[in-house]
Amino acid sequence: MSPRAYRRQQFHRDEHEKERDTEARLIAGVGEEAYWTGNRFAGALYALRGDMFLRISVGGIRDEQARIATAKAMALAALKRL
């Protein structure tokens, strides 16, 4: 499965499918498109660029906004090298 197909399957599902899962949140400013998924313990940022995507998983930080900021910074640094 290509990265774009995976992204469509995971983050662009119809409303009925979305009701079963935790909603992924769009994160601006990272790659072509990025989404955050997580719970109160950990989370992951999926960032798409071209035919690739990164998954940055962050745990151990209690504040979700801090986890998102950390994952975003890591993704931006990694995307510069791709």
PDB file of N, CA and C in Angstrom:
ATOM      1  N   MET A   1       0.855  -1.168   0.000  1.00  0.00           N
ATOM      2  CA  MET A   1       0.000   0.000   0.000  1.00  0.00           C
ATOM      3  C   MET A   1       0.900   1.229   0.000  1.00  0.00           C
ATOM      4  N   SER A   2       0.595   2.179  -0.844  1.00  0.00           N
ATOM      5  CA  SER A   2       1.397   3.398  -0.917  1.00  0.00           C
ATOM      6  C   SER A   2       1.120   4.285   0.301  1.00  0.00           C
ATOM      7  N   PRO A   3       2.038   5.190   0.628  1.00  0.00           N
ATOM      8  CA  PRO A   3       1.797   6.108   1.743  1.00  0.00           C
ATOM      9  C   PRO A   3       0.528   6.940   1.565  1.00  0.00           C
ATOM     10  N   ARG A   4       0.241   7.378   0.350  1.00  0.00           N
ATOM     11  CA  ARG A   4      -0.976   8.163   0.119  1.00  0.00           C
ATOM     12  C   ARG A   4      -2.232   7.327   0.341  1.00  0.00           C
ATOM     13  N   ALA A   5      -2.218   6.082  -0.106  1.00  0.00           N
ATOM     14  CA  ALA A   5      -3.364   5.200   0.109  1.00  0.00           C
ATOM     15  C   ALA A   5      -3.550   4.923   1.597  1.00  0.00           C
ATOM     16  N   TYR A   6      -2.450   4.711   2.319  1.00  0.00           N
ATOM     17  CA  TYR A   6      -2.523   4.489   3.759  1.00  0.00           C
ATOM     18  C   TYR A   6      -3.121   5.716   4.455  1.00  0.00           C
ATOM     19  N   ARG A   7      -2.663   6.916   4.068  1.00  0.00           N
ATOM     20  CA  ARG A   7      -3.178   8.147   4.656  1.00  0.00           C
ATOM     21  C   ARG A   7      -4.684   8.274   4.422  1.00  0.00           C
ATOM     22  N   ARG A   8      -5.131   7.994   3.187  1.00  0.00           N
ATOM     23  CA  ARG A   8      -6.571   8.067   2.894  1.00  0.00           C
ATOM     24  C   ARG A   8      -7.342   7.076   3.754  1.00  0.00           C
ATOM     25  N   GLN A   9      -6.824   5.870   3.874  1.00  0.00           N
ATOM     26  CA  GLN A   9      -7.506   4.841   4.652  1.00  0.00           C
ATOM     27  C   GLN A   9      -7.583   5.218   6.129  1.00  0.00           C
ATOM     28  N   GLN A  10      -6.506   5.775   6.679  1.00  0.00           N
ATOM     29  CA  GLN A  10      -6.453   6.075   8.108  1.00  0.00           C
ATOM     30  C   GLN A  10      -7.128   7.384   8.495  1.00  0.00           C
ATOM     31  N   PHE A  11      -7.007   8.411   7.659  1.00  0.00           N
ATOM     32  CA  PHE A  11      -7.410   9.752   8.083  1.00  0.00           C
ATOM     33  C   PHE A  11      -8.528  10.379   7.273  1.00  0.00           C
ATOM     34  N   HIS A  12      -8.951   9.757   6.199  1.00  0.00           N
ATOM     35  CA  HIS A  12     -10.023  10.312   5.372  1.00  0.00           C
ATOM     36  C   HIS A  12     -11.147   9.291   5.216  1.00  0.00           C
ATOM     37  N   ARG A  13     -11.562   8.740   6.331  1.00  0.00           N
ATOM     38  CA  ARG A  13     -12.626   7.746   6.329  1.00  0.00           C
ATOM     39  C   ARG A  13     -13.980   8.423   6.401  1.00  0.00           C
ATOM     40  N   ASP A  14     -15.031   7.664   6.068  1.00  0.00           N
ATOM     41  CA  ASP A  14     -16.369   8.240   6.152  1.00  0.00           C
ATOM     42  C   ASP A  14     -16.776   8.390   7.614  1.00  0.00           C
ATOM     43  N   GLU A  15     -17.832   9.121   7.848  1.00  0.00           N
ATOM     44  CA  GLU A  15     -18.257   9.463   9.216  1.00  0.00           C
ATOM     45  C   GLU A  15     -18.584   8.226  10.047  1.00  0.00           C
ATOM     46  N   HIS A  16     -19.181   7.206   9.451  1.00  0.00           N
ATOM     47  CA  HIS A  16     -19.523   5.998  10.204  1.00  0.00           C
ATOM     48  C   HIS A  16     -18.271   5.318  10.756  1.00  0.00           C
ATOM     49  N   GLU A  17     -17.226   5.233   9.962  1.00  0.00           N
ATOM     50  CA  GLU A  17     -15.985   4.616  10.416  1.00  0.00           C
ATOM     51  C   GLU A  17     -15.305   5.456  11.479  1.00  0.00           C
ATOM     52  N   LYS A  18     -15.384   6.784  11.376  1.00  0.00           N
ATOM     53  CA  LYS A  18     -14.726   7.672  12.333  1.00  0.00           C
ATOM     54  C   LYS A  18     -15.328   7.555  13.728  1.00  0.00           C
ATOM     55  N   GLU A  19     -16.608   7.234  13.812  1.00  0.00           N
ATOM     56  CA  GLU A  19     -17.268   7.146  15.114  1.00  0.00           C
ATOM     57  C   GLU A  19     -16.666   6.055  15.995  1.00  0.00           C
ATOM     58  N   ARG A  20     -16.098   5.026  15.399  1.00  0.00           N
ATOM     59  CA  ARG A  20     -15.545   3.909  16.174  1.00  0.00           C
ATOM     60  C   ARG A  20     -14.191   4.235  16.786  1.00  0.00           C
ATOM     61  N   ASP A  21     -13.450   5.137  16.210  1.00  0.00           N
ATOM     62  CA  ASP A  21     -12.077   5.414  16.624  1.00  0.00           C
ATOM     63  C   ASP A  21     -11.941   6.808  17.220  1.00  0.00           C
ATOM     64  N   THR A  22     -10.793   7.024  17.838  1.00  0.00           N
ATOM     65  CA  THR A  22     -10.448   8.360  18.284  1.00  0.00           C
ATOM     66  C   THR A  22     -10.197   9.207  17.047  1.00  0.00           C
ATOM     67  N   GLU A  23     -10.717  10.391  17.035  1.00  0.00           N
ATOM     68  CA  GLU A  23     -10.574  11.282  15.881  1.00  0.00           C
ATOM     69  C   GLU A  23      -9.130  11.752  15.733  1.00  0.00           C
ATOM     70  N   ALA A  24      -8.600  11.630  14.542  1.00  0.00           N
ATOM     71  CA  ALA A  24      -7.266  12.165  14.235  1.00  0.00           C
ATOM     72  C   ALA A  24      -7.416  13.662  14.005  1.00  0.00           C
ATOM     73  N   ARG A  25      -6.452  14.431  14.498  1.00  0.00           N
ATOM     74  CA  ARG A  25      -6.515  15.897  14.357  1.00  0.00           C
ATOM     75  C   ARG A  25      -5.471  16.375  13.362  1.00  0.00           C
ATOM     76  N   LEU A  26      -5.892  17.225  12.460  1.00  0.00           N
ATOM     77  CA  LEU A  26      -4.995  17.820  11.480  1.00  0.00           C
ATOM     78  C   LEU A  26      -4.017  18.750  12.185  1.00  0.00           C
ATOM     79  N   ILE A  27      -2.733  18.637  11.836  1.00  0.00           N
ATOM     80  CA  ILE A  27      -1.684  19.491  12.395  1.00  0.00           C
ATOM     81  C   ILE A  27      -1.096  20.299  11.242  1.00  0.00           C
ATOM     82  N   ALA A  28      -1.204  21.594  11.319  1.00  0.00           N
ATOM     83  CA  ALA A  28      -0.737  22.476  10.244  1.00  0.00           C
ATOM     84  C   ALA A  28       0.774  22.670  10.295  1.00  0.00           C
ATOM     85  N   GLY A  29       1.349  22.902   9.111  1.00  0.00           N
ATOM     86  CA  GLY A  29       2.751  23.295   9.032  1.00  0.00           C
ATOM     87  C   GLY A  29       3.761  22.173   9.010  1.00  0.00           C
ATOM     88  N   VAL A  30       3.307  20.932   8.834  1.00  0.00           N
ATOM     89  CA  VAL A  30       4.229  19.797   8.810  1.00  0.00           C
ATOM     90  C   VAL A  30       3.966  19.004   7.531  1.00  0.00           C
ATOM     91  N   GLY A  31       4.954  18.971   6.636  1.00  0.00           N
ATOM     92  CA  GLY A  31       4.810  18.228   5.396  1.00  0.00           C
ATOM     93  C   GLY A  31       3.632  18.704   4.581  1.00  0.00           C
ATOM     94  N   GLU A  32       3.154  17.843   3.699  1.00  0.00           N
ATOM     95  CA  GLU A  32       1.992  18.170   2.881  1.00  0.00           C
ATOM     96  C   GLU A  32       0.710  18.074   3.697  1.00  0.00           C
ATOM     97  N   GLU A  33       0.718  17.153   4.651  1.00  0.00           N
ATOM     98  CA  GLU A  33      -0.442  16.937   5.504  1.00  0.00           C
ATOM     99  C   GLU A  33       0.038  16.154   6.710  1.00  0.00           C
ATOM    100  N   ALA A  34      -0.446  16.502   7.888  1.00  0.00           N
ATOM    101  CA  ALA A  34      -0.037  15.791   9.101  1.00  0.00           C
ATOM    102  C   ALA A  34      -1.231  15.646  10.040  1.00  0.00           C
ATOM    103  N   TYR A  35      -1.265  14.507  10.737  1.00  0.00           N
ATOM    104  CA  TYR A  35      -2.336  14.224  11.684  1.00  0.00           C
ATOM    105  C   TYR A  35      -1.749  13.715  12.987  1.00  0.00           C
ATOM    106  N   TRP A  36      -2.404  14.077  14.080  1.00  0.00           N
ATOM    107  CA  TRP A  36      -2.045  13.615  15.420  1.00  0.00           C
ATOM    108  C   TRP A  36      -3.132  12.676  15.910  1.00  0.00           C
ATOM    109  N   THR A  37      -2.721  11.546  16.440  1.00  0.00           N
ATOM    110  CA  THR A  37      -3.631  10.640  17.124  1.00  0.00           C
ATOM    111  C   THR A  37      -3.012  10.323  18.473  1.00  0.00           C
ATOM    112  N   GLY A  38      -3.839  10.140  19.468  1.00  0.00           N
ATOM    113  CA  GLY A  38      -3.260   9.820  20.762  1.00  0.00           C
ATOM    114  C   GLY A  38      -4.284   9.670  21.855  1.00  0.00           C
ATOM    115  N   ASN A  39      -3.763   9.361  23.021  1.00  0.00           N
ATOM    116  CA  ASN A  39      -4.579   9.266  24.221  1.00  0.00           C
ATOM    117  C   ASN A  39      -3.863  10.029  25.333  1.00  0.00           C
ATOM    118  N   ARG A  40      -4.241   9.811  26.563  1.00  0.00           N
ATOM    119  CA  ARG A  40      -3.650  10.601  27.647  1.00  0.00           C
ATOM    120  C   ARG A  40      -2.227  10.191  27.995  1.00  0.00           C
ATOM    121  N   PHE A  41      -1.739   9.073  27.453  1.00  0.00           N
ATOM    122  CA  PHE A  41      -0.404   8.583  27.768  1.00  0.00           C
ATOM    123  C   PHE A  41       0.622   8.811  26.664  1.00  0.00           C
ATOM    124  N   ALA A  42       0.197   8.716  25.428  1.00  0.00           N
ATOM    125  CA  ALA A  42       1.127   8.797  24.294  1.00  0.00           C
ATOM    126  C   ALA A  42       0.361   9.215  23.046  1.00  0.00           C
ATOM    127  N   GLY A  43       1.104   9.504  22.002  1.00  0.00           N
ATOM    128  CA  GLY A  43       0.475   9.869  20.746  1.00  0.00           C
ATOM    129  C   GLY A  43       1.448   9.723  19.603  1.00  0.00           C
ATOM    130  N   ALA A  44       0.931   9.893  18.400  1.00  0.00           N
ATOM    131  CA  ALA A  44       1.767   9.774  17.206  1.00  0.00           C
ATOM    132  C   ALA A  44       1.367  10.832  16.196  1.00  0.00           C
ATOM    133  N   LEU A  45       2.368  11.370  15.542  1.00  0.00           N
ATOM    134  CA  LEU A  45       2.168  12.340  14.470  1.00  0.00           C
ATOM    135  C   LEU A  45       2.519  11.640  13.164  1.00  0.00           C
ATOM    136  N   TYR A  46       1.596  11.646  12.227  1.00  0.00           N
ATOM    137  CA  TYR A  46       1.812  11.083  10.898  1.00  0.00           C
ATOM    138  C   TYR A  46       1.949  12.260   9.937  1.00  0.00           C
ATOM    139  N   ALA A  47       3.093  12.361   9.270  1.00  0.00           N
ATOM    140  CA  ALA A  47       3.349  13.471   8.357  1.00  0.00           C
ATOM    141  C   ALA A  47       3.635  12.923   6.963  1.00  0.00           C
ATOM    142  N   LEU A  48       2.902  13.419   5.979  1.00  0.00           N
ATOM    143  CA  LEU A  48       3.056  12.986   4.596  1.00  0.00           C
ATOM    144  C   LEU A  48       3.908  13.986   3.830  1.00  0.00           C
ATOM    145  N   ARG A  49       4.834  13.439   3.031  1.00  0.00           N
ATOM    146  CA  ARG A  49       5.621  14.264   2.122  1.00  0.00           C
ATOM    147  C   ARG A  49       5.933  13.420   0.893  1.00  0.00           C
ATOM    148  N   GLY A  50       5.419  13.849  -0.256  1.00  0.00           N
ATOM    149  CA  GLY A  50       5.622  13.092  -1.483  1.00  0.00           C
ATOM    150  C   GLY A  50       5.070  11.690  -1.355  1.00  0.00           C
ATOM    151  N   ASP A  51       5.899  10.696  -1.652  1.00  0.00           N
ATOM    152  CA  ASP A  51       5.491   9.298  -1.562  1.00  0.00           C
ATOM    153  C   ASP A  51       5.947   8.643  -0.269  1.00  0.00           C
ATOM    154  N   MET A  52       6.211   9.452   0.756  1.00  0.00           N
ATOM    155  CA  MET A  52       6.665   8.929   2.046  1.00  0.00           C
ATOM    156  C   MET A  52       5.834   9.537   3.170  1.00  0.00           C
ATOM    157  N   PHE A  53       5.786   8.837   4.279  1.00  0.00           N
ATOM    158  CA  PHE A  53       5.256   9.453   5.479  1.00  0.00           C
ATOM    159  C   PHE A  53       6.081   9.034   6.666  1.00  0.00           C
ATOM    160  N   LEU A  54       6.099   9.906   7.656  1.00  0.00           N
ATOM    161  CA  LEU A  54       6.786   9.643   8.920  1.00  0.00           C
ATOM    162  C   LEU A  54       5.746   9.392   9.993  1.00  0.00           C
ATOM    163  N   ARG A  55       6.098   8.540  10.919  1.00  0.00           N
ATOM    164  CA  ARG A  55       5.286   8.369  12.122  1.00  0.00           C
ATOM    165  C   ARG A  55       6.213   8.657  13.291  1.00  0.00           C
ATOM    166  N   ILE A  56       5.917   9.722  14.003  1.00  0.00           N
ATOM    167  CA  ILE A  56       6.695  10.114  15.171  1.00  0.00           C
ATOM    168  C   ILE A  56       5.821   9.846  16.401  1.00  0.00           C
ATOM    169  N   SER A  57       6.253   8.940  17.250  1.00  0.00           N
ATOM    170  CA  SER A  57       5.496   8.581  18.437  1.00  0.00           C
ATOM    171  C   SER A  57       6.168   9.177  19.663  1.00  0.00           C
ATOM    172  N   VAL A  58       5.368   9.807  20.515  1.00  0.00           N
ATOM    173  CA  VAL A  58       5.899  10.474  21.707  1.00  0.00           C
ATOM    174  C   VAL A  58       5.097  10.038  22.926  1.00  0.00           C
ATOM    175  N   GLY A  59       5.809   9.629  23.944  1.00  0.00           N
ATOM    176  CA  GLY A  59       5.193   9.285  25.220  1.00  0.00           C
ATOM    177  C   GLY A  59       6.049   9.840  26.343  1.00  0.00           C
ATOM    178  N   GLY A  60       5.588   9.673  27.562  1.00  0.00           N
ATOM    179  CA  GLY A  60       6.375  10.107  28.707  1.00  0.00           C
ATOM    180  C   GLY A  60       6.226  11.578  29.062  1.00  0.00           C
ATOM    181  N   ILE A  61       5.470  12.307  28.271  1.00  0.00           N
ATOM    182  CA  ILE A  61       5.198  13.719  28.564  1.00  0.00           C
ATOM    183  C   ILE A  61       3.711  13.804  28.878  1.00  0.00           C
ATOM    184  N   ARG A  62       3.384  14.293  30.047  1.00  0.00           N
ATOM    185  CA  ARG A  62       1.980  14.306  30.474  1.00  0.00           C
ATOM    186  C   ARG A  62       1.105  15.243  29.658  1.00  0.00           C
ATOM    187  N   ASP A  63       1.591  16.411  29.324  1.00  0.00           N
ATOM    188  CA  ASP A  63       0.783  17.411  28.627  1.00  0.00           C
ATOM    189  C   ASP A  63       0.711  17.084  27.128  1.00  0.00           C
ATOM    190  N   GLU A  64      -0.500  16.900  26.623  1.00  0.00           N
ATOM    191  CA  GLU A  64      -0.656  16.532  25.223  1.00  0.00           C
ATOM    192  C   GLU A  64      -0.118  17.597  24.270  1.00  0.00           C
ATOM    193  N   GLN A  65      -0.332  18.854  24.564  1.00  0.00           N
ATOM    194  CA  GLN A  65       0.182  19.908  23.682  1.00  0.00           C
ATOM    195  C   GLN A  65       1.706  19.879  23.620  1.00  0.00           C
ATOM    196  N   ALA A  66       2.345  19.542  24.719  1.00  0.00           N
ATOM    197  CA  ALA A  66       3.805  19.410  24.728  1.00  0.00           C
ATOM    198  C   ALA A  66       4.238  18.205  23.900  1.00  0.00           C
ATOM    199  N   ARG A  67       3.476  17.099  23.969  1.00  0.00           N
ATOM    200  CA  ARG A  67       3.785  15.930  23.134  1.00  0.00           C
ATOM    201  C   ARG A  67       3.648  16.279  21.653  1.00  0.00           C
ATOM    202  N   ILE A  68       2.599  17.020  21.300  1.00  0.00           N
ATOM    203  CA  ILE A  68       2.390  17.422  19.911  1.00  0.00           C
ATOM    204  C   ILE A  68       3.525  18.327  19.452  1.00  0.00           C
ATOM    205  N   ALA A  69       3.899  19.289  20.270  1.00  0.00           N
ATOM    206  CA  ALA A  69       4.989  20.209  19.914  1.00  0.00           C
ATOM    207  C   ALA A  69       6.311  19.453  19.719  1.00  0.00           C
ATOM    208  N   THR A  70       6.578  18.493  20.588  1.00  0.00           N
ATOM    209  CA  THR A  70       7.800  17.697  20.466  1.00  0.00           C
ATOM    210  C   THR A  70       7.783  16.880  19.182  1.00  0.00           C
ATOM    211  N   ALA A  71       6.670  16.216  18.903  1.00  0.00           N
ATOM    212  CA  ALA A  71       6.554  15.408  17.690  1.00  0.00           C
ATOM    213  C   ALA A  71       6.659  16.281  16.444  1.00  0.00           C
ATOM    214  N   LYS A  72       6.054  17.453  16.482  1.00  0.00           N
ATOM    215  CA  LYS A  72       6.104  18.376  15.340  1.00  0.00           C
ATOM    216  C   LYS A  72       7.539  18.820  15.072  1.00  0.00           C
ATOM    217  N   ALA A  73       8.272  19.182  16.113  1.00  0.00           N
ATOM    218  CA  ALA A  73       9.674  19.599  15.957  1.00  0.00           C
ATOM    219  C   ALA A  73      10.522  18.468  15.387  1.00  0.00           C
ATOM    220  N   MET A  74      10.297  17.251  15.886  1.00  0.00           N
ATOM    221  CA  MET A  74      11.046  16.101  15.381  1.00  0.00           C
ATOM    222  C   MET A  74      10.713  15.826  13.914  1.00  0.00           C
ATOM    223  N   ALA A  75       9.450  15.916  13.559  1.00  0.00           N
ATOM    224  CA  ALA A  75       9.039  15.671  12.176  1.00  0.00           C
ATOM    225  C   ALA A  75       9.621  16.722  11.236  1.00  0.00           C
ATOM    226  N   LEU A  76       9.592  17.981  11.644  1.00  0.00           N
ATOM    227  CA  LEU A  76      10.156  19.046  10.798  1.00  0.00           C
ATOM    228  C   LEU A  76      11.648  18.827  10.565  1.00  0.00           C
ATOM    229  N   ALA A  77      12.360  18.423  11.605  1.00  0.00           N
ATOM    230  CA  ALA A  77      13.804  18.165  11.466  1.00  0.00           C
ATOM    231  C   ALA A  77      14.045  16.975  10.537  1.00  0.00           C
ATOM    232  N   ALA A  78      13.240  15.924  10.680  1.00  0.00           N
ATOM    233  CA  ALA A  78      13.404  14.738   9.842  1.00  0.00           C
ATOM    234  C   ALA A  78      13.046  15.032   8.392  1.00  0.00           C
ATOM    235  N   LEU A  79      11.973  15.782   8.167  1.00  0.00           N
ATOM    236  CA  LEU A  79      11.537  16.089   6.805  1.00  0.00           C
ATOM    237  C   LEU A  79      12.582  16.905   6.045  1.00  0.00           C
ATOM    238  N   LYS A  80      13.351  17.727   6.743  1.00  0.00           N
ATOM    239  CA  LYS A  80      14.404  18.494   6.092  1.00  0.00           C
ATOM    240  C   LYS A  80      15.466  17.582   5.481  1.00  0.00           C
ATOM    241  N   ARG A  81      15.630  16.410   6.067  1.00  0.00           N
ATOM    242  CA  ARG A  81      16.674  15.479   5.614  1.00  0.00           C
ATOM    243  C   ARG A  81      16.194  14.509   4.532  1.00  0.00           C
ATOM    244  N   LEU A  82      14.919  14.512   4.251  1.00  0.00           N
ATOM    245  CA  LEU A  82      14.392  13.584   3.235  1.00  0.00           C
ATOM    246  C   LEU A  82      14.444  14.197   1.849  1.00  0.00           C
TER     247      LEU A  82
END
